[in-house]
Protein backbone atom coordinates (compact mmCIF):
# COMPACT_ATOMS: atom_id res chain seq x y z
CA MET A 1 -16.09 15.55 -30.55
CA LEU A 2 -14.13 14.50 -27.48
CA THR A 3 -12.62 11.05 -27.20
CA ASN A 4 -10.73 9.20 -24.51
CA GLN A 5 -7.76 8.38 -26.69
CA ARG A 6 -4.20 8.85 -25.54
CA PRO A 7 -2.05 11.24 -27.50
CA ARG A 8 0.47 9.47 -29.67
CA ASN A 9 4.16 9.72 -28.93
CA SER A 10 6.07 11.79 -31.40
CA GLY A 11 8.77 9.78 -33.10
CA GLY A 12 7.32 6.45 -31.99
CA VAL A 13 9.43 6.32 -28.82
CA ASN A 14 7.86 4.36 -25.98
CA ARG A 15 8.73 5.81 -22.61
CA PRO A 16 8.95 3.42 -19.64
CA ARG A 17 6.29 3.73 -16.96
CA LEU A 18 7.62 4.77 -13.61
CA SER A 19 6.35 3.10 -10.48
CA LEU A 20 7.09 3.87 -6.90
CA LYS A 21 8.37 0.86 -5.01
CA ILE A 22 8.59 1.55 -1.32
CA ALA A 23 9.52 -1.95 -0.16
CA ASP A 24 9.47 -5.58 -1.22
CA VAL A 25 6.54 -6.22 1.14
CA GLU A 26 4.07 -3.44 1.86
CA TYR A 27 1.41 -3.59 4.52
CA ARG A 28 -1.18 -0.94 3.69
CA ILE A 29 -3.86 0.42 6.00
CA ARG A 30 -7.03 1.27 4.05
CA TRP A 31 -10.42 2.62 5.10
CA ASP A 32 -13.28 0.41 3.90
CA GLU A 33 -16.35 2.58 3.48
CA ALA A 34 -18.74 -0.40 3.29
CA SER A 35 -17.74 -1.92 6.62
CA GLN A 36 -16.77 1.40 8.22
CA ALA A 37 -13.47 -0.08 9.42
CA TRP A 38 -9.74 -0.06 8.66
CA ASP A 39 -8.42 -3.02 6.66
CA VAL A 40 -4.83 -4.28 6.55
CA LEU A 41 -3.55 -5.38 3.14
CA ARG A 42 -0.28 -7.17 2.39
CA ASN A 43 0.94 -6.33 -1.12
CA GLY A 44 -2.67 -5.60 -2.09
CA ALA A 45 -4.17 -8.81 -0.69
CA VAL A 46 -6.41 -8.88 2.37
CA THR A 47 -4.70 -10.26 5.47
CA ALA A 48 -6.04 -12.33 8.35
CA VAL A 49 -6.11 -9.20 10.54
CA ALA A 50 -9.72 -8.44 11.35
CA ALA A 51 -11.03 -5.03 10.30
CA ARG A 52 -10.45 -2.42 13.01
CA LYS A 53 -12.63 0.50 14.03
CA LYS A 54 -9.60 2.53 15.16
CA LYS A 55 -6.78 3.42 12.79
CA SER A 56 -4.18 3.12 15.54
CA SER A 57 -5.23 -0.48 16.20
CA ALA A 58 -4.91 -1.38 12.50
CA VAL A 59 -1.48 0.29 12.32
CA ALA A 60 -0.28 -1.58 15.43
CA SER A 61 -1.45 -4.91 13.97
CA ALA A 62 0.24 -4.24 10.63
CA ILE A 63 3.53 -3.23 12.28
CA ARG A 64 3.44 -6.29 14.53
CA ASP A 65 2.93 -8.60 11.51
CA ALA A 66 5.61 -6.81 9.46
CA LYS A 67 8.16 -7.01 12.29
CA ALA A 68 7.48 -10.72 12.81
CA GLU A 69 7.85 -11.43 9.10
CA SER A 70 10.97 -9.27 8.73
CA GLU A 71 12.79 -11.30 11.39
CA THR A 72 12.78 -14.36 9.13
CA SER A 73 13.26 -12.64 5.76
CA THR A 74 15.82 -10.54 3.93
CA ALA A 75 13.12 -8.52 2.13
CA THR A 76 12.41 -4.89 2.97
CA PHE A 77 9.12 -4.12 4.75
CA ALA A 78 6.99 -1.01 5.10
CA VAL A 79 3.64 -0.09 6.63
CA THR A 80 1.79 2.62 4.73
CA CYS A 81 -1.56 4.35 4.89
CA PHE A 82 -3.46 5.91 1.99
CA GLU A 83 -5.72 8.60 3.39
CA ASP A 84 -7.03 11.89 2.02
CA GLY A 85 -5.30 11.29 -1.30
CA LYS A 86 -1.86 10.95 0.28
CA LEU A 87 0.33 7.93 0.86
CA GLN A 88 2.15 8.02 4.19
CA THR A 89 4.90 5.67 5.30
CA LEU A 90 4.14 4.86 8.93
CA TRP A 91 6.93 2.31 9.57
CA LYS A 92 9.81 0.88 7.58
CA ALA A 93 12.11 -1.99 8.49
CA PRO A 94 15.70 -0.87 9.06
């Protein structure tokens, strides 16, 4: 019988989970299948940028917002796109 249980660690040692942190603030371009448009997310939350039919338009909007926000903040910023199972960094604040 197959189950969906995780294998137990030998020796009871808990290993830390690794996560990839690209920047403090990440604007992500994501294709929304329901609306057939590109959405712009800021750290996973939907932004005020209206959904775009063209990817290049969504990328330009995200970069414009990230640049404006980076001018008044010391945080690091990046614009990424998750497409075809790959995460691409399209822009990163210097």
